[in-house]
Amino acid sequence: LLEEAENERMHLMTALQLRQPSWLFRMGVIVSQGTFVTMFSGAYLLSPRFCHRFVGYLEEEAVFTYSKCLKDIESGPLKHWQTQKAPDVATRYWKLPETASMKDVVLAI
């Protein structure tokens, strides 16, 4: 679970490098995460099986999302990610070459 949490943190750090969101957006993310952790912890105490199933659904949705992202990179609104340089944090974490693009990051994820 700790490795998965680190992996998800790196997804967030990569996204933050791309957009540089405002402090208001960042605070919204922190409040949302705090609320989710609190509610998920309570739910886990009541039904660990439900929580594991819920995480499975989230991971399945992530596969759909990144698959759609790759389609959009190939022939849609994200074509510029074919050449956009990957953030340094992503190239270090996923051990990508210095010339890696955002498409390479999505493929690594």
N, C-alpha and C. Protein backbone atom coordinates (compact mmCIF):
# COMPACT_ATOMS: atom_id res chain seq x y z
N LEU A 1 0.81 -1.20 0.00
CA LEU A 1 0.00 0.00 0.00
C LEU A 1 0.85 1.26 0.00
N LEU A 2 1.97 1.20 0.69
CA LEU A 2 2.85 2.38 0.70
C LEU A 2 3.45 2.65 -0.67
N GLU A 3 3.80 1.59 -1.39
CA GLU A 3 4.33 1.78 -2.74
C GLU A 3 3.27 2.36 -3.66
N GLU A 4 2.04 1.90 -3.52
CA GLU A 4 0.94 2.43 -4.34
C GLU A 4 0.68 3.90 -3.99
N ALA A 5 0.76 4.24 -2.72
CA ALA A 5 0.57 5.63 -2.31
C ALA A 5 1.67 6.52 -2.90
N GLU A 6 2.90 6.03 -2.90
CA GLU A 6 4.02 6.78 -3.49
C GLU A 6 3.81 6.96 -4.99
N ASN A 7 3.34 5.92 -5.66
CA ASN A 7 3.07 5.99 -7.09
C ASN A 7 2.00 7.04 -7.39
N GLU A 8 0.93 7.03 -6.62
CA GLU A 8 -0.14 8.02 -6.82
C GLU A 8 0.36 9.43 -6.53
N ARG A 9 1.23 9.56 -5.54
CA ARG A 9 1.81 10.87 -5.22
C ARG A 9 2.63 11.39 -6.40
N MET A 10 3.32 10.49 -7.07
CA MET A 10 4.12 10.91 -8.23
C MET A 10 3.24 11.32 -9.40
N HIS A 11 2.07 10.69 -9.54
CA HIS A 11 1.12 11.14 -10.57
C HIS A 11 0.71 12.59 -10.27
N LEU A 12 0.41 12.85 -8.99
CA LEU A 12 0.00 14.19 -8.58
C LEU A 12 1.13 15.19 -8.78
N MET A 13 2.35 14.83 -8.40
CA MET A 13 3.49 15.74 -8.56
C MET A 13 3.74 16.06 -10.03
N THR A 14 3.57 15.07 -10.90
CA THR A 14 3.74 15.30 -12.34
C THR A 14 2.69 16.29 -12.84
N ALA A 15 1.44 16.08 -12.42
CA ALA A 15 0.36 16.99 -12.83
C ALA A 15 0.61 18.40 -12.31
N LEU A 16 1.10 18.51 -11.09
CA LEU A 16 1.39 19.84 -10.53
C LEU A 16 2.48 20.55 -11.31
N GLN A 17 3.46 19.80 -11.79
CA GLN A 17 4.53 20.40 -12.59
C GLN A 17 4.00 20.93 -13.92
N LEU A 18 2.98 20.28 -14.45
CA LEU A 18 2.43 20.69 -15.75
C LEU A 18 1.58 21.95 -15.65
N ARG A 19 0.79 22.08 -14.61
CA ARG A 19 -0.21 23.14 -14.55
C ARG A 19 0.11 24.28 -13.57
N GLN A 20 0.88 24.05 -12.54
CA GLN A 20 1.16 25.06 -11.52
C GLN A 20 -0.14 25.70 -11.02
N PRO A 21 -1.01 24.93 -10.33
CA PRO A 21 -2.31 25.45 -9.90
C PRO A 21 -2.17 26.52 -8.81
N SER A 22 -3.24 27.28 -8.65
CA SER A 22 -3.27 28.36 -7.66
C SER A 22 -3.30 27.78 -6.25
N TRP A 23 -3.06 28.63 -5.27
CA TRP A 23 -3.09 28.18 -3.87
C TRP A 23 -4.50 27.74 -3.48
N LEU A 24 -5.53 28.36 -4.06
CA LEU A 24 -6.90 27.98 -3.75
C LEU A 24 -7.18 26.55 -4.22
N PHE A 25 -6.73 26.22 -5.41
CA PHE A 25 -6.91 24.87 -5.93
C PHE A 25 -6.15 23.87 -5.07
N ARG A 26 -4.92 24.22 -4.70
CA ARG A 26 -4.11 23.32 -3.86
C ARG A 26 -4.79 23.07 -2.51
N MET A 27 -5.34 24.12 -1.92
CA MET A 27 -6.03 23.95 -0.65
C MET A 27 -7.28 23.08 -0.82
N GLY A 28 -7.96 23.24 -1.95
CA GLY A 28 -9.11 22.38 -2.23
C GLY A 28 -8.72 20.91 -2.31
N VAL A 29 -7.57 20.64 -2.93
CA VAL A 29 -7.07 19.26 -3.01
C VAL A 29 -6.76 18.72 -1.62
N ILE A 30 -6.11 19.52 -0.79
CA ILE A 30 -5.75 19.08 0.57
C ILE A 30 -7.00 18.80 1.40
N VAL A 31 -7.98 19.69 1.33
CA VAL A 31 -9.23 19.48 2.07
C VAL A 31 -9.95 18.23 1.56
N SER A 32 -9.99 18.07 0.25
CA SER A 32 -10.64 16.88 -0.33
C SER A 32 -9.94 15.60 0.11
N GLN A 33 -8.60 15.61 0.10
CA GLN A 33 -7.87 14.42 0.52
C GLN A 33 -8.12 14.11 1.99
N GLY A 34 -8.12 15.14 2.82
CA GLY A 34 -8.39 14.94 4.25
C GLY A 34 -9.77 14.36 4.49
N THR A 35 -10.75 14.89 3.78
CA THR A 35 -12.12 14.38 3.91
C THR A 35 -12.20 12.93 3.44
N PHE A 36 -11.58 12.64 2.29
CA PHE A 36 -11.63 11.28 1.77
C PHE A 36 -10.96 10.30 2.72
N VAL A 37 -9.78 10.64 3.23
CA VAL A 37 -9.07 9.72 4.13
C VAL A 37 -9.90 9.44 5.37
N THR A 38 -10.52 10.48 5.91
CA THR A 38 -11.35 10.30 7.10
C THR A 38 -12.53 9.37 6.81
N MET A 39 -13.23 9.63 5.72
CA MET A 39 -14.41 8.82 5.38
C MET A 39 -14.00 7.40 4.99
N PHE A 40 -12.91 7.26 4.24
CA PHE A 40 -12.47 5.94 3.81
C PHE A 40 -12.02 5.11 5.01
N SER A 41 -11.34 5.75 5.97
CA SER A 41 -10.91 5.04 7.17
C SER A 41 -12.12 4.51 7.93
N GLY A 42 -13.15 5.34 8.07
CA GLY A 42 -14.37 4.89 8.75
C GLY A 42 -15.03 3.75 7.99
N ALA A 43 -15.09 3.89 6.68
CA ALA A 43 -15.69 2.83 5.86
C ALA A 43 -14.89 1.54 5.97
N TYR A 44 -13.56 1.66 6.05
CA TYR A 44 -12.72 0.46 6.15
C TYR A 44 -12.97 -0.28 7.47
N LEU A 45 -13.22 0.48 8.52
CA LEU A 45 -13.53 -0.16 9.80
C LEU A 45 -14.85 -0.93 9.72
N LEU A 46 -15.80 -0.41 8.94
CA LEU A 46 -17.09 -1.05 8.81
C LEU A 46 -17.07 -2.22 7.82
N SER A 47 -16.36 -2.04 6.69
CA SER A 47 -16.38 -3.08 5.66
C SER A 47 -15.12 -3.04 4.80
N PRO A 48 -14.06 -3.74 5.23
CA PRO A 48 -12.84 -3.77 4.43
C PRO A 48 -13.07 -4.33 3.03
N ARG A 49 -13.96 -5.29 2.91
CA ARG A 49 -14.24 -5.89 1.60
C ARG A 49 -14.77 -4.83 0.62
N PHE A 50 -15.71 -4.01 1.08
CA PHE A 50 -16.25 -2.94 0.25
C PHE A 50 -15.14 -1.99 -0.19
N CYS A 51 -14.26 -1.63 0.73
CA CYS A 51 -13.19 -0.68 0.42
C CYS A 51 -12.21 -1.25 -0.61
N HIS A 52 -11.88 -2.52 -0.48
CA HIS A 52 -10.99 -3.15 -1.46
C HIS A 52 -11.65 -3.20 -2.83
N ARG A 53 -12.94 -3.49 -2.86
CA ARG A 53 -13.68 -3.50 -4.12
C ARG A 53 -13.72 -2.10 -4.73
N PHE A 54 -13.93 -1.09 -3.89
CA PHE A 54 -13.97 0.30 -4.34
C PHE A 54 -12.64 0.71 -4.97
N VAL A 55 -11.54 0.35 -4.33
CA VAL A 55 -10.21 0.66 -4.88
C VAL A 55 -10.01 -0.05 -6.21
N GLY A 56 -10.50 -1.27 -6.33
CA GLY A 56 -10.43 -1.99 -7.60
C GLY A 56 -11.16 -1.25 -8.71
N TYR A 57 -12.33 -0.71 -8.40
CA TYR A 57 -13.08 0.08 -9.38
C TYR A 57 -12.31 1.34 -9.76
N LEU A 58 -11.69 1.98 -8.78
CA LEU A 58 -10.89 3.18 -9.07
C LEU A 58 -9.73 2.86 -10.01
N GLU A 59 -9.06 1.75 -9.77
CA GLU A 59 -7.93 1.36 -10.62
C GLU A 59 -8.40 1.03 -12.03
N GLU A 60 -9.56 0.37 -12.13
CA GLU A 60 -10.12 0.06 -13.45
C GLU A 60 -10.44 1.36 -14.21
N GLU A 61 -10.98 2.33 -13.51
CA GLU A 61 -11.29 3.62 -14.13
C GLU A 61 -10.01 4.33 -14.57
N ALA A 62 -8.94 4.18 -13.80
CA ALA A 62 -7.65 4.78 -14.18
C ALA A 62 -7.15 4.19 -15.49
N VAL A 63 -7.33 2.88 -15.68
CA VAL A 63 -6.92 2.25 -16.94
C VAL A 63 -7.69 2.86 -18.10
N PHE A 64 -9.00 3.04 -17.94
CA PHE A 64 -9.81 3.66 -19.00
C PHE A 64 -9.34 5.10 -19.27
N THR A 65 -9.06 5.83 -18.20
CA THR A 65 -8.66 7.23 -18.34
C THR A 65 -7.34 7.35 -19.08
N TYR A 66 -6.34 6.56 -18.70
CA TYR A 66 -5.04 6.65 -19.37
C TYR A 66 -5.10 6.11 -20.79
N SER A 67 -5.97 5.14 -21.04
CA SER A 67 -6.15 4.65 -22.42
C SER A 67 -6.74 5.76 -23.29
N LYS A 68 -7.73 6.48 -22.77
CA LYS A 68 -8.32 7.59 -23.50
C LYS A 68 -7.28 8.69 -23.70
N CYS A 69 -6.47 8.92 -22.69
CA CYS A 69 -5.41 9.93 -22.79
C CYS A 69 -4.46 9.60 -23.93
N LEU A 70 -4.08 8.33 -24.05
CA LEU A 70 -3.19 7.92 -25.14
C LEU A 70 -3.85 8.13 -26.50
N LYS A 71 -5.15 7.84 -26.60
CA LYS A 71 -5.86 8.08 -27.86
C LYS A 71 -5.87 9.57 -28.19
N ASP A 72 -6.07 10.41 -27.17
CA ASP A 72 -6.07 11.86 -27.38
C ASP A 72 -4.69 12.38 -27.76
N ILE A 73 -3.65 11.73 -27.27
CA ILE A 73 -2.29 12.13 -27.65
C ILE A 73 -2.03 11.76 -29.11
N GLU A 74 -2.50 10.60 -29.51
CA GLU A 74 -2.28 10.13 -30.88
C GLU A 74 -3.07 10.93 -31.90
N SER A 75 -4.33 11.23 -31.60
CA SER A 75 -5.15 11.87 -32.63
C SER A 75 -6.24 12.77 -32.03
N GLY A 76 -5.92 13.49 -31.02
CA GLY A 76 -6.94 14.33 -30.41
C GLY A 76 -6.37 15.62 -29.85
N PRO A 77 -7.04 16.15 -28.84
CA PRO A 77 -6.65 17.46 -28.31
C PRO A 77 -5.32 17.49 -27.55
N LEU A 78 -4.73 16.34 -27.28
CA LEU A 78 -3.45 16.32 -26.55
C LEU A 78 -2.26 16.00 -27.46
N LYS A 79 -2.39 16.27 -28.75
CA LYS A 79 -1.30 15.96 -29.69
C LYS A 79 0.02 16.62 -29.28
N HIS A 80 -0.07 17.79 -28.65
CA HIS A 80 1.16 18.49 -28.24
C HIS A 80 1.96 17.71 -27.19
N TRP A 81 1.33 16.71 -26.52
CA TRP A 81 2.05 15.90 -25.55
C TRP A 81 3.02 14.93 -26.21
N GLN A 82 2.90 14.74 -27.53
CA GLN A 82 3.87 13.89 -28.23
C GLN A 82 5.26 14.51 -28.18
N THR A 83 5.32 15.84 -28.13
CA THR A 83 6.60 16.53 -28.15
C THR A 83 6.89 17.31 -26.87
N GLN A 84 5.88 17.51 -26.02
CA GLN A 84 6.10 18.27 -24.78
C GLN A 84 7.03 17.49 -23.86
N LYS A 85 8.06 18.16 -23.40
CA LYS A 85 9.06 17.52 -22.52
C LYS A 85 8.41 17.09 -21.21
N ALA A 86 8.76 15.92 -20.76
CA ALA A 86 8.25 15.40 -19.49
C ALA A 86 8.88 16.17 -18.33
N PRO A 87 8.13 16.42 -17.26
CA PRO A 87 8.70 17.08 -16.08
C PRO A 87 9.84 16.25 -15.49
N ASP A 88 10.81 16.95 -14.89
CA ASP A 88 11.97 16.26 -14.31
C ASP A 88 11.57 15.22 -13.26
N VAL A 89 10.56 15.56 -12.45
CA VAL A 89 10.13 14.63 -11.41
C VAL A 89 9.65 13.31 -12.03
N ALA A 90 9.01 13.37 -13.19
CA ALA A 90 8.52 12.16 -13.86
C ALA A 90 9.67 11.36 -14.46
N THR A 91 10.63 12.05 -15.08
CA THR A 91 11.74 11.32 -15.70
C THR A 91 12.59 10.62 -14.63
N ARG A 92 12.73 11.23 -13.48
CA ARG A 92 13.49 10.58 -12.40
C ARG A 92 12.73 9.38 -11.83
N TYR A 93 11.45 9.56 -11.53
CA TYR A 93 10.68 8.49 -10.88
C TYR A 93 10.50 7.28 -11.78
N TRP A 94 10.14 7.51 -13.04
CA TRP A 94 9.91 6.39 -13.95
C TRP A 94 11.15 6.01 -14.75
N LYS A 95 12.29 6.61 -14.39
CA LYS A 95 13.58 6.30 -15.02
C LYS A 95 13.50 6.40 -16.54
N LEU A 96 12.99 7.54 -17.01
CA LEU A 96 12.86 7.80 -18.44
C LEU A 96 14.08 8.54 -18.94
N PRO A 97 14.36 8.48 -20.23
CA PRO A 97 15.49 9.23 -20.77
C PRO A 97 15.23 10.74 -20.69
N GLU A 98 16.28 11.53 -20.74
CA GLU A 98 16.15 12.98 -20.66
C GLU A 98 15.28 13.56 -21.76
N THR A 99 15.18 12.86 -22.87
CA THR A 99 14.40 13.33 -24.02
C THR A 99 12.95 12.90 -23.97
N ALA A 100 12.50 12.33 -22.86
CA ALA A 100 11.15 11.78 -22.75
C ALA A 100 10.09 12.87 -22.92
N SER A 101 9.00 12.47 -23.56
CA SER A 101 7.86 13.38 -23.74
C SER A 101 6.75 12.99 -22.76
N MET A 102 5.70 13.78 -22.74
CA MET A 102 4.56 13.45 -21.89
C MET A 102 3.91 12.13 -22.34
N LYS A 103 3.99 11.84 -23.61
CA LYS A 103 3.46 10.54 -24.08
C LYS A 103 4.22 9.40 -23.42
N ASP A 104 5.54 9.54 -23.29
CA ASP A 104 6.35 8.51 -22.63
C ASP A 104 5.95 8.36 -21.16
N VAL A 105 5.60 9.47 -20.52
CA VAL A 105 5.17 9.42 -19.13
C VAL A 105 3.86 8.64 -19.01
N VAL A 106 2.90 8.94 -19.88
CA VAL A 106 1.62 8.24 -19.84
C VAL A 106 1.82 6.76 -20.11
N LEU A 107 2.69 6.41 -21.04
CA LEU A 107 2.97 5.00 -21.30
C LEU A 107 3.62 4.33 -20.09
N ALA A 108 4.48 5.04 -19.39
CA ALA A 108 5.13 4.48 -18.20
C ALA A 108 4.12 4.27 -17.07
N ILE A 109 3.18 5.19 -16.96
CA ILE A 109 2.16 5.06 -15.92
C ILE A 109 1.32 3.83 -16.19
